[in-house]
Amino acid sequence: MILKKKFVKESFTIMNELVLPNDTNTLNNLMGGRLLHWMDIAAAISAQKHCNRIVVTASVDNVSFKHPIKLGDVITIEAKVTRAFNTSVEVRLDVWAENIPSGARQKSNEAYYTFVAVNQSDQTIQVPEAIPESAEEIELFAGALRRRQLRLVLGGKMLPEDANELKALFFKA
């Protein structure tokens, strides 16, 4: 089966959420788990737009919390596929927090999620190739192979000596 290639921009997804009292801890900051949940939803939508299939979360890279997100802030999550592999896609997320009354907006988080496309029988299936166009998309596309190899090494699915893209960062040929 020949799959249609898709442009990275076709997967771009924006999701907004309002931080309500039920979303916060005792300091009135957004709970990290709630944000991860919202990020997973936005990333899954982006991956499904690219694959036109059901996708399941395979991994979540390190998520650092740069700034607390406060009660009443509006969260904007931007997600897009950076690269497609055989049956999986990597999705980049950027999270912004905005205080509407003051107009202050700051980047709170960024992360990479990996999804695997599955059919109705829960078997993995091939995904369309992702075509980057902008300079940023090309840079994220190029880095995706290194990030994938790092995930595989850390997950015990690839031997470090087989991670050629990672080795190239540290050793000259």
N, C-alpha and C. Protein backbone atom coordinates (compact mmCIF):
# COMPACT_ATOMS: atom_id res chain seq x y z
N MET A 1 0.84 -1.17 0.00
CA MET A 1 0.00 0.00 0.00
C MET A 1 0.89 1.25 0.00
N ILE A 2 0.64 2.18 -0.90
CA ILE A 2 1.39 3.42 -0.98
C ILE A 2 0.64 4.48 -0.18
N LEU A 3 1.34 5.08 0.80
CA LEU A 3 0.73 6.10 1.62
C LEU A 3 1.01 7.48 1.07
N LYS A 4 0.05 8.34 1.17
CA LYS A 4 0.21 9.72 0.74
C LYS A 4 1.16 10.44 1.69
N LYS A 5 2.06 11.22 1.14
CA LYS A 5 2.93 12.05 1.97
C LYS A 5 2.12 13.24 2.45
N LYS A 6 2.45 13.72 3.66
CA LYS A 6 1.72 14.86 4.21
C LYS A 6 2.70 15.92 4.70
N PHE A 7 2.33 17.16 4.52
CA PHE A 7 3.15 18.25 5.01
C PHE A 7 2.99 18.36 6.52
N VAL A 8 4.08 18.72 7.20
CA VAL A 8 4.07 18.88 8.65
C VAL A 8 2.97 19.86 9.08
N LYS A 9 2.80 20.94 8.33
CA LYS A 9 1.82 21.97 8.70
C LYS A 9 0.39 21.43 8.75
N GLU A 10 0.13 20.32 8.06
CA GLU A 10 -1.22 19.75 8.07
C GLU A 10 -1.59 19.16 9.43
N SER A 11 -0.60 18.88 10.26
CA SER A 11 -0.86 18.29 11.58
C SER A 11 -0.96 19.35 12.68
N PHE A 12 -0.71 20.62 12.34
CA PHE A 12 -0.67 21.67 13.35
C PHE A 12 -2.00 21.76 14.09
N THR A 13 -1.92 21.75 15.41
CA THR A 13 -3.09 21.77 16.27
C THR A 13 -2.88 22.78 17.38
N ILE A 14 -3.92 23.55 17.67
CA ILE A 14 -3.90 24.47 18.80
C ILE A 14 -5.06 24.10 19.72
N MET A 15 -4.75 23.95 21.00
CA MET A 15 -5.77 23.62 22.00
C MET A 15 -5.66 24.64 23.13
N ASN A 16 -6.79 25.16 23.56
CA ASN A 16 -6.82 26.12 24.67
C ASN A 16 -7.59 25.54 25.84
N GLU A 17 -7.12 25.84 27.04
CA GLU A 17 -7.78 25.43 28.27
C GLU A 17 -7.71 26.57 29.27
N LEU A 18 -8.74 26.71 30.06
CA LEU A 18 -8.78 27.69 31.15
C LEU A 18 -8.48 26.96 32.45
N VAL A 19 -7.52 27.45 33.23
CA VAL A 19 -7.15 26.81 34.49
C VAL A 19 -8.19 27.19 35.55
N LEU A 20 -8.94 26.20 35.97
CA LEU A 20 -10.00 26.37 36.96
C LEU A 20 -9.56 25.82 38.32
N PRO A 21 -10.30 26.12 39.39
CA PRO A 21 -9.89 25.66 40.73
C PRO A 21 -9.64 24.15 40.82
N ASN A 22 -10.44 23.36 40.12
CA ASN A 22 -10.28 21.90 40.18
C ASN A 22 -8.98 21.43 39.51
N ASP A 23 -8.33 22.31 38.73
CA ASP A 23 -7.09 21.96 38.03
C ASP A 23 -5.84 22.31 38.83
N THR A 24 -6.00 22.93 40.00
CA THR A 24 -4.85 23.49 40.72
C THR A 24 -4.54 22.75 42.01
N ASN A 25 -3.31 23.01 42.50
CA ASN A 25 -2.89 22.48 43.80
C ASN A 25 -3.20 23.52 44.88
N THR A 26 -2.71 23.30 46.08
CA THR A 26 -3.02 24.21 47.20
C THR A 26 -2.34 25.57 47.06
N LEU A 27 -1.39 25.71 46.13
CA LEU A 27 -0.75 27.00 45.87
C LEU A 27 -1.42 27.75 44.72
N ASN A 28 -2.55 27.22 44.24
CA ASN A 28 -3.28 27.78 43.09
C ASN A 28 -2.47 27.73 41.79
N ASN A 29 -1.56 26.75 41.70
CA ASN A 29 -0.82 26.49 40.47
C ASN A 29 -1.42 25.27 39.77
N LEU A 30 -1.38 25.29 38.46
CA LEU A 30 -1.86 24.15 37.69
C LEU A 30 -1.09 22.89 38.07
N MET A 31 -1.81 21.81 38.33
CA MET A 31 -1.16 20.53 38.65
C MET A 31 -0.47 19.99 37.39
N GLY A 32 0.75 19.49 37.57
CA GLY A 32 1.53 18.97 36.45
C GLY A 32 0.83 17.85 35.71
N GLY A 33 0.18 16.98 36.44
CA GLY A 33 -0.51 15.85 35.82
C GLY A 33 -1.65 16.30 34.92
N ARG A 34 -2.33 17.37 35.32
CA ARG A 34 -3.43 17.90 34.49
C ARG A 34 -2.85 18.45 33.18
N LEU A 35 -1.72 19.18 33.28
CA LEU A 35 -1.10 19.71 32.07
C LEU A 35 -0.64 18.58 31.15
N LEU A 36 -0.03 17.54 31.72
CA LEU A 36 0.40 16.41 30.90
C LEU A 36 -0.78 15.75 30.19
N HIS A 37 -1.91 15.69 30.87
CA HIS A 37 -3.13 15.13 30.28
C HIS A 37 -3.57 15.97 29.07
N TRP A 38 -3.60 17.29 29.26
CA TRP A 38 -3.99 18.17 28.15
C TRP A 38 -2.99 18.08 27.01
N MET A 39 -1.70 18.00 27.33
CA MET A 39 -0.68 17.89 26.30
C MET A 39 -0.85 16.59 25.51
N ASP A 40 -1.17 15.51 26.20
CA ASP A 40 -1.37 14.22 25.54
C ASP A 40 -2.53 14.30 24.56
N ILE A 41 -3.59 14.97 24.94
CA ILE A 41 -4.75 15.12 24.05
C ILE A 41 -4.37 15.92 22.81
N ALA A 42 -3.72 17.07 23.01
CA ALA A 42 -3.33 17.91 21.87
C ALA A 42 -2.38 17.16 20.94
N ALA A 43 -1.41 16.46 21.51
CA ALA A 43 -0.45 15.71 20.71
C ALA A 43 -1.14 14.58 19.94
N ALA A 44 -2.08 13.90 20.58
CA ALA A 44 -2.80 12.81 19.92
C ALA A 44 -3.63 13.34 18.75
N ILE A 45 -4.26 14.50 18.92
CA ILE A 45 -5.03 15.09 17.83
C ILE A 45 -4.10 15.38 16.64
N SER A 46 -2.95 15.97 16.93
CA SER A 46 -1.98 16.27 15.87
C SER A 46 -1.54 15.00 15.16
N ALA A 47 -1.20 13.97 15.92
CA ALA A 47 -0.76 12.70 15.34
C ALA A 47 -1.87 12.06 14.50
N GLN A 48 -3.10 12.12 14.99
CA GLN A 48 -4.21 11.54 14.24
C GLN A 48 -4.48 12.30 12.95
N LYS A 49 -4.32 13.63 12.99
CA LYS A 49 -4.48 14.42 11.77
C LYS A 49 -3.45 13.99 10.72
N HIS A 50 -2.23 13.68 11.17
CA HIS A 50 -1.20 13.26 10.23
C HIS A 50 -1.48 11.85 9.71
N CYS A 51 -1.80 10.95 10.61
CA CYS A 51 -1.93 9.53 10.26
C CYS A 51 -3.30 9.15 9.70
N ASN A 52 -4.32 9.95 10.00
CA ASN A 52 -5.70 9.59 9.68
C ASN A 52 -6.05 8.21 10.25
N ARG A 53 -5.52 7.96 11.42
CA ARG A 53 -5.71 6.69 12.10
C ARG A 53 -5.79 6.90 13.60
N ILE A 54 -6.20 5.88 14.31
CA ILE A 54 -6.13 5.88 15.76
C ILE A 54 -4.65 5.81 16.13
N VAL A 55 -4.26 6.57 17.13
CA VAL A 55 -2.88 6.52 17.61
C VAL A 55 -2.89 6.29 19.12
N VAL A 56 -1.82 5.68 19.59
CA VAL A 56 -1.66 5.47 21.03
C VAL A 56 -0.32 6.06 21.45
N THR A 57 -0.28 6.59 22.66
CA THR A 57 0.94 7.20 23.18
C THR A 57 1.98 6.12 23.43
N ALA A 58 3.18 6.30 22.86
CA ALA A 58 4.27 5.34 23.05
C ALA A 58 5.28 5.87 24.06
N SER A 59 5.54 7.18 24.04
CA SER A 59 6.50 7.75 24.99
C SER A 59 6.29 9.25 25.12
N VAL A 60 6.76 9.74 26.25
CA VAL A 60 6.77 11.17 26.53
C VAL A 60 8.19 11.52 26.96
N ASP A 61 8.81 12.46 26.25
CA ASP A 61 10.16 12.88 26.63
C ASP A 61 10.10 13.75 27.87
N ASN A 62 11.25 14.09 28.36
CA ASN A 62 11.37 14.94 29.53
C ASN A 62 10.52 16.20 29.38
N VAL A 63 9.71 16.48 30.39
CA VAL A 63 8.90 17.69 30.41
C VAL A 63 9.37 18.51 31.59
N SER A 64 9.90 19.68 31.32
CA SER A 64 10.36 20.57 32.38
C SER A 64 9.34 21.69 32.56
N PHE A 65 9.09 22.04 33.81
CA PHE A 65 8.15 23.10 34.11
C PHE A 65 8.95 24.37 34.37
N LYS A 66 8.95 25.29 33.39
CA LYS A 66 9.78 26.49 33.47
C LYS A 66 9.17 27.57 34.34
N HIS A 67 7.85 27.70 34.29
CA HIS A 67 7.16 28.74 35.05
C HIS A 67 5.85 28.15 35.59
N PRO A 68 5.47 28.51 36.80
CA PRO A 68 4.18 28.04 37.29
C PRO A 68 3.03 28.64 36.48
N ILE A 69 2.00 27.87 36.30
CA ILE A 69 0.80 28.33 35.61
C ILE A 69 -0.25 28.53 36.68
N LYS A 70 -0.86 29.69 36.70
CA LYS A 70 -1.73 30.09 37.79
C LYS A 70 -3.21 29.87 37.50
N LEU A 71 -3.97 29.78 38.56
CA LEU A 71 -5.42 29.73 38.49
C LEU A 71 -5.91 30.92 37.66
N GLY A 72 -6.77 30.67 36.69
CA GLY A 72 -7.31 31.72 35.85
C GLY A 72 -6.53 31.95 34.57
N ASP A 73 -5.31 31.41 34.46
CA ASP A 73 -4.54 31.55 33.22
C ASP A 73 -5.20 30.75 32.10
N VAL A 74 -4.99 31.20 30.89
CA VAL A 74 -5.42 30.45 29.71
C VAL A 74 -4.18 29.76 29.14
N ILE A 75 -4.30 28.47 28.95
CA ILE A 75 -3.21 27.66 28.41
C ILE A 75 -3.44 27.47 26.92
N THR A 76 -2.39 27.69 26.15
CA THR A 76 -2.42 27.41 24.71
C THR A 76 -1.37 26.35 24.44
N ILE A 77 -1.81 25.23 23.90
CA ILE A 77 -0.90 24.13 23.56
C ILE A 77 -0.85 24.04 22.04
N GLU A 78 0.35 24.17 21.49
CA GLU A 78 0.56 24.04 20.06
C GLU A 78 1.30 22.73 19.80
N ALA A 79 0.76 21.93 18.90
CA ALA A 79 1.34 20.62 18.62
C ALA A 79 1.46 20.43 17.11
N LYS A 80 2.56 19.77 16.70
CA LYS A 80 2.69 19.39 15.28
C LYS A 80 3.65 18.22 15.16
N VAL A 81 3.39 17.39 14.18
CA VAL A 81 4.26 16.26 13.89
C VAL A 81 5.59 16.81 13.37
N THR A 82 6.69 16.28 13.90
CA THR A 82 8.00 16.71 13.43
C THR A 82 8.58 15.72 12.42
N ARG A 83 8.26 14.45 12.61
CA ARG A 83 8.79 13.42 11.70
C ARG A 83 7.96 12.16 11.86
N ALA A 84 7.83 11.43 10.76
CA ALA A 84 7.16 10.13 10.78
C ALA A 84 8.20 9.06 10.53
N PHE A 85 8.05 7.96 11.24
CA PHE A 85 8.93 6.82 11.02
C PHE A 85 8.07 5.73 10.38
N ASN A 86 8.32 4.49 10.59
CA ASN A 86 7.55 3.44 9.91
C ASN A 86 6.10 3.39 10.41
N THR A 87 5.94 3.21 11.72
CA THR A 87 4.59 3.12 12.29
C THR A 87 4.36 4.17 13.38
N SER A 88 5.32 5.06 13.56
CA SER A 88 5.20 6.04 14.64
C SER A 88 5.46 7.46 14.14
N VAL A 89 5.01 8.42 14.93
CA VAL A 89 5.28 9.83 14.66
C VAL A 89 5.74 10.50 15.94
N GLU A 90 6.63 11.48 15.77
CA GLU A 90 7.05 12.31 16.88
C GLU A 90 6.27 13.62 16.78
N VAL A 91 5.76 14.10 17.92
CA VAL A 91 4.99 15.34 17.96
C VAL A 91 5.67 16.31 18.92
N ARG A 92 5.90 17.54 18.47
CA ARG A 92 6.48 18.59 19.29
C ARG A 92 5.35 19.42 19.88
N LEU A 93 5.47 19.74 21.18
CA LEU A 93 4.48 20.58 21.85
C LEU A 93 5.15 21.79 22.46
N ASP A 94 4.49 22.93 22.33
CA ASP A 94 4.88 24.15 23.02
C ASP A 94 3.67 24.61 23.81
N VAL A 95 3.90 24.94 25.09
CA VAL A 95 2.82 25.34 25.98
C VAL A 95 3.04 26.78 26.41
N TRP A 96 2.00 27.59 26.26
CA TRP A 96 2.03 29.00 26.63
C TRP A 96 0.97 29.25 27.70
N ALA A 97 1.30 30.07 28.66
CA ALA A 97 0.34 30.48 29.69
C ALA A 97 0.11 31.97 29.53
N GLU A 98 -1.16 32.36 29.57
CA GLU A 98 -1.50 33.77 29.40
C GLU A 98 -2.44 34.22 30.50
N ASN A 99 -2.10 35.33 31.11
CA ASN A 99 -2.98 35.98 32.07
C ASN A 99 -3.78 37.00 31.26
N ILE A 100 -5.04 36.73 31.06
CA ILE A 100 -5.86 37.56 30.18
C ILE A 100 -5.97 39.02 30.67
N PRO A 101 -6.27 39.25 31.96
CA PRO A 101 -6.40 40.66 32.39
C PRO A 101 -5.14 41.49 32.15
N SER A 102 -3.96 40.92 32.41
CA SER A 102 -2.73 41.70 32.25
C SER A 102 -2.16 41.61 30.84
N GLY A 103 -2.55 40.58 30.11
CA GLY A 103 -2.01 40.37 28.77
C GLY A 103 -0.64 39.69 28.77
N ALA A 104 -0.13 39.36 29.97
CA ALA A 104 1.19 38.71 30.06
C ALA A 104 1.10 37.28 29.52
N ARG A 105 2.05 36.94 28.65
CA ARG A 105 2.08 35.59 28.05
C ARG A 105 3.51 35.08 28.11
N GLN A 106 3.67 33.85 28.59
CA GLN A 106 5.02 33.29 28.64
C GLN A 106 4.98 31.80 28.31
N LYS A 107 6.10 31.35 27.75
CA LYS A 107 6.23 29.93 27.44
C LYS A 107 6.47 29.17 28.73
N SER A 108 5.69 28.14 28.93
CA SER A 108 5.76 27.38 30.16
C SER A 108 6.46 26.04 29.98
N ASN A 109 6.19 25.36 28.87
CA ASN A 109 6.70 24.01 28.67
C ASN A 109 6.93 23.73 27.20
N GLU A 110 7.75 22.72 26.96
CA GLU A 110 7.88 22.13 25.64
C GLU A 110 8.20 20.66 25.85
N ALA A 111 7.80 19.85 24.91
CA ALA A 111 8.03 18.41 25.05
C ALA A 111 7.85 17.73 23.70
N TYR A 112 8.27 16.48 23.66
CA TYR A 112 8.06 15.62 22.49
C TYR A 112 7.30 14.38 22.96
N TYR A 113 6.25 14.06 22.25
CA TYR A 113 5.49 12.84 22.49
C TYR A 113 5.66 11.97 21.25
N THR A 114 5.64 10.65 21.45
CA THR A 114 5.69 9.71 20.33
C THR A 114 4.41 8.88 20.34
N PHE A 115 3.83 8.73 19.18
CA PHE A 115 2.60 7.95 19.02
C PHE A 115 2.81 6.87 17.98
N VAL A 116 2.12 5.77 18.17
CA VAL A 116 2.13 4.66 17.22
C VAL A 116 0.72 4.55 16.64
N ALA A 117 0.64 4.40 15.34
CA ALA A 117 -0.65 4.23 14.67
C ALA A 117 -1.07 2.77 14.74
N VAL A 118 -2.35 2.55 15.02
CA VAL A 118 -2.87 1.19 15.13
C VAL A 118 -4.17 1.06 14.34
N ASN A 119 -4.47 -0.17 13.94
CA ASN A 119 -5.74 -0.42 13.27
C ASN A 119 -6.78 -0.86 14.31
N GLN A 120 -7.95 -1.25 13.83
CA GLN A 120 -9.05 -1.63 14.74
C GLN A 120 -8.73 -2.88 15.56
N SER A 121 -7.75 -3.66 15.10
CA SER A 121 -7.33 -4.87 15.83
C SER A 121 -6.15 -4.59 16.75
N ASP A 122 -5.82 -3.31 16.92
CA ASP A 122 -4.73 -2.87 17.80
C ASP A 122 -3.36 -3.31 17.28
N GLN A 123 -3.25 -3.51 15.96
CA GLN A 123 -1.96 -3.85 15.36
C GLN A 123 -1.36 -2.59 14.75
N THR A 124 -0.04 -2.43 14.86
CA THR A 124 0.60 -1.24 14.30
C THR A 124 0.47 -1.23 12.78
N ILE A 125 0.37 -0.01 12.25
CA ILE A 125 0.24 0.16 10.80
C ILE A 125 1.15 1.30 10.35
N GLN A 126 1.49 1.29 9.08
CA GLN A 126 2.37 2.31 8.53
C GLN A 126 1.71 3.68 8.56
N VAL A 127 2.56 4.70 8.65
CA VAL A 127 2.08 6.08 8.66
C VAL A 127 2.65 6.83 7.46
N PRO A 128 1.97 7.89 7.03
CA PRO A 128 2.48 8.67 5.90
C PRO A 128 3.78 9.38 6.26
N GLU A 129 4.61 9.61 5.26
CA GLU A 129 5.84 10.37 5.44
C GLU A 129 5.48 11.82 5.76
N ALA A 130 6.27 12.45 6.65
CA ALA A 130 6.07 13.86 6.99
C ALA A 130 7.05 14.70 6.20
N ILE A 131 6.55 15.72 5.53
CA ILE A 131 7.38 16.58 4.69
C ILE A 131 7.52 17.95 5.37
N PRO A 132 8.73 18.28 5.85
CA PRO A 132 8.94 19.61 6.43
C PRO A 132 9.17 20.65 5.33
N GLU A 133 8.74 21.89 5.60
CA GLU A 133 8.94 22.95 4.61
C GLU A 133 9.73 24.12 5.17
N SER A 134 9.34 24.65 6.30
CA SER A 134 10.01 25.83 6.86
C SER A 134 11.36 25.45 7.46
N ALA A 135 12.18 26.44 7.73
CA ALA A 135 13.49 26.19 8.34
C ALA A 135 13.33 25.52 9.69
N GLU A 136 12.36 25.97 10.48
CA GLU A 136 12.12 25.36 11.79
C GLU A 136 11.69 23.90 11.65
N GLU A 137 10.78 23.63 10.71
CA GLU A 137 10.32 22.26 10.50
C GLU A 137 11.46 21.35 10.05
N ILE A 138 12.34 21.86 9.20
CA ILE A 138 13.48 21.08 8.72
C ILE A 138 14.43 20.77 9.87
N GLU A 139 14.67 21.76 10.74
CA GLU A 139 15.54 21.55 11.89
C GLU A 139 14.95 20.52 12.86
N LEU A 140 13.66 20.62 13.14
CA LEU A 140 13.01 19.65 14.03
C LEU A 140 13.02 18.26 13.40
N PHE A 141 12.79 18.18 12.10
CA PHE A 141 12.81 16.92 11.36
C PHE A 141 14.17 16.25 11.50
N ALA A 142 15.25 17.03 11.31
CA ALA A 142 16.61 16.47 11.38
C ALA A 142 16.92 15.97 12.79
N GLY A 143 16.51 16.70 13.80
CA GLY A 143 16.78 16.29 15.18
C GLY A 143 15.94 15.12 15.65
N ALA A 144 14.85 14.84 14.96
CA ALA A 144 13.95 13.77 15.39
C ALA A 144 14.62 12.40 15.41
N LEU A 145 15.50 12.15 14.47
CA LEU A 145 16.18 10.85 14.42
C LEU A 145 17.08 10.67 15.64
N ARG A 146 17.78 11.73 16.04
CA ARG A 146 18.62 11.65 17.25
C ARG A 146 17.74 11.45 18.50
N ARG A 147 16.65 12.19 18.58
CA ARG A 147 15.76 12.03 19.74
C ARG A 147 15.17 10.63 19.78
N ARG A 148 14.85 10.08 18.62
CA ARG A 148 14.30 8.72 18.56
C ARG A 148 15.33 7.71 19.04
N GLN A 149 16.56 7.86 18.56
CA GLN A 149 17.60 6.92 18.99
C GLN A 149 17.84 7.03 20.50
N LEU A 150 17.82 8.23 21.04
CA LEU A 150 17.99 8.39 22.48
C LEU A 150 16.86 7.71 23.24
N ARG A 151 15.62 7.87 22.77
CA ARG A 151 14.48 7.19 23.41
C ARG A 151 14.66 5.68 23.37
N LEU A 152 15.10 5.17 22.22
CA LEU A 152 15.27 3.72 22.07
C LEU A 152 16.40 3.20 22.96
N VAL A 153 17.50 3.93 23.06
CA VAL A 153 18.60 3.52 23.93
C VAL A 153 18.15 3.53 25.38
N LEU A 154 17.52 4.62 25.81
CA LEU A 154 17.06 4.73 27.20
C LEU A 154 16.00 3.69 27.53
N GLY A 155 15.19 3.32 26.54
CA GLY A 155 14.15 2.31 26.74
C GLY A 155 14.65 0.88 26.59
N GLY A 156 15.95 0.71 26.34
CA GLY A 156 16.51 -0.63 26.20
C GLY A 156 16.16 -1.32 24.90
N LYS A 157 15.72 -0.56 23.89
CA LYS A 157 15.32 -1.15 22.62
C LYS A 157 16.39 -0.98 21.54
N MET A 158 17.49 -0.29 21.89
CA MET A 158 18.61 -0.11 20.96
C MET A 158 19.89 -0.07 21.78
N LEU A 159 20.92 -0.72 21.27
CA LEU A 159 22.21 -0.68 21.94
C LEU A 159 22.87 0.67 21.66
N PRO A 160 23.54 1.25 22.64
CA PRO A 160 24.19 2.55 22.43
C PRO A 160 25.13 2.55 21.23
N GLU A 161 25.84 1.45 21.01
CA GLU A 161 26.78 1.41 19.89
C GLU A 161 26.08 1.41 18.53
N ASP A 162 24.78 1.12 18.52
CA ASP A 162 24.03 1.15 17.26
C ASP A 162 23.38 2.51 16.99
N ALA A 163 23.48 3.43 17.91
CA ALA A 163 22.86 4.75 17.78
C ALA A 163 23.80 5.68 17.01
N ASN A 164 23.90 5.46 15.71
CA ASN A 164 24.86 6.18 14.87
C ASN A 164 24.63 7.69 14.85
N GLU A 165 23.39 8.14 14.84
CA GLU A 165 23.11 9.58 14.83
C GLU A 165 23.57 10.23 16.13
N LEU A 166 23.39 9.54 17.23
CA LEU A 166 23.84 10.07 18.52
C LEU A 166 25.36 10.09 18.60
N LYS A 167 25.98 9.01 18.15
CA LYS A 167 27.45 8.95 18.19
C LYS A 167 28.06 10.06 17.37
N ALA A 168 27.43 10.41 16.26
CA ALA A 168 27.96 11.46 15.37
C ALA A 168 28.04 12.81 16.08
N LEU A 169 27.21 13.00 17.11
CA LEU A 169 27.27 14.24 17.88
C LEU A 169 28.53 14.35 18.72
N PHE A 170 29.08 13.20 19.12
CA PHE A 170 30.18 13.18 20.06
C PHE A 170 31.52 12.79 19.46
N PHE A 171 31.48 12.04 18.37
CA PHE A 171 32.72 11.52 17.79
C PHE A 171 32.82 11.91 16.33
N LYS A 172 33.97 12.36 15.93
CA LYS A 172 34.22 12.66 14.51
C LYS A 172 34.65 11.39 13.79
N ALA A 173 34.20 11.23 12.58
CA ALA A 173 34.52 10.02 11.81
C ALA A 173 35.93 10.08 11.26
